[in-house]
Amino acid sequence: MKGLNVWAVAKSIELRGTKPHPYIEPTYQATKGPVAVMFSEGIAQYLGRMQAI
């Protein structure tokens, strides 16, 4: 059988854990401006339609 011993890998992760791979915070920081603009525009459009009724 080729490759890593899966039991050894599992035990290593159990003992030492894994390195963090943060992605949520950087993604949030990178997209919060454009998302806020999209929400503001959507709310403004919705409110405009409600006033027309």
Protein backbone atom coordinates (compact mmCIF):
# COMPACT_ATOMS: atom_id res chain seq x y z
CA MET A 1 0.00 0.00 0.00
CA LYS A 2 1.36 3.44 -0.95
CA GLY A 3 0.86 6.76 0.78
CA LEU A 4 0.63 7.83 4.36
CA ASN A 5 -0.40 5.59 7.20
CA VAL A 6 -3.88 6.96 7.90
CA TRP A 7 -3.83 5.76 11.49
CA ALA A 8 -0.55 7.59 12.13
CA VAL A 9 -1.98 10.75 10.55
CA ALA A 10 -5.13 10.50 12.67
CA LYS A 11 -3.10 10.01 15.85
CA SER A 12 -0.86 12.95 15.00
CA ILE A 13 -3.90 15.19 14.45
CA GLU A 14 -5.41 13.93 17.69
CA LEU A 15 -2.26 14.79 19.65
CA ARG A 16 -1.11 17.99 17.94
CA GLY A 17 -4.15 19.29 16.11
CA THR A 18 -3.86 21.09 12.79
CA LYS A 19 -2.66 24.55 11.82
CA PRO A 20 -5.43 27.11 11.54
CA HIS A 21 -6.37 28.21 8.04
CA PRO A 22 -8.35 31.40 8.63
CA TYR A 23 -10.57 32.36 5.73
CA ILE A 24 -13.74 33.79 7.21
CA GLU A 25 -12.29 37.00 8.67
CA PRO A 26 -10.20 37.97 5.60
CA THR A 27 -13.15 37.22 3.31
CA TYR A 28 -15.48 39.25 5.50
CA GLN A 29 -13.09 42.20 5.55
CA ALA A 30 -12.64 42.04 1.78
CA THR A 31 -16.36 41.90 0.96
CA LYS A 32 -18.14 43.87 3.68
CA GLY A 33 -18.02 47.14 1.71
CA PRO A 34 -19.50 45.80 -1.53
CA VAL A 35 -22.07 43.72 0.36
CA ALA A 36 -23.19 46.76 2.37
CA VAL A 37 -23.64 48.71 -0.87
CA MET A 38 -25.71 45.88 -2.39
CA PHE A 39 -27.93 45.71 0.69
CA SER A 40 -28.38 49.49 0.76
CA GLU A 41 -29.33 49.56 -2.93
CA GLY A 42 -31.72 46.65 -2.50
CA ILE A 43 -33.43 48.24 0.49
CA ALA A 44 -33.72 51.56 -1.34
CA GLN A 45 -35.33 49.82 -4.33
CA TYR A 46 -37.73 47.94 -2.07
CA LEU A 47 -38.74 51.08 -0.21
CA GLY A 48 -39.22 52.91 -3.53
CA ARG A 49 -41.59 50.19 -4.70
CA MET A 50 -43.49 50.26 -1.42
CA GLN A 51 -44.03 54.04 -1.71
CA ALA A 52 -45.40 53.58 -5.24
CA ILE A 53 -48.13 51.24 -3.98
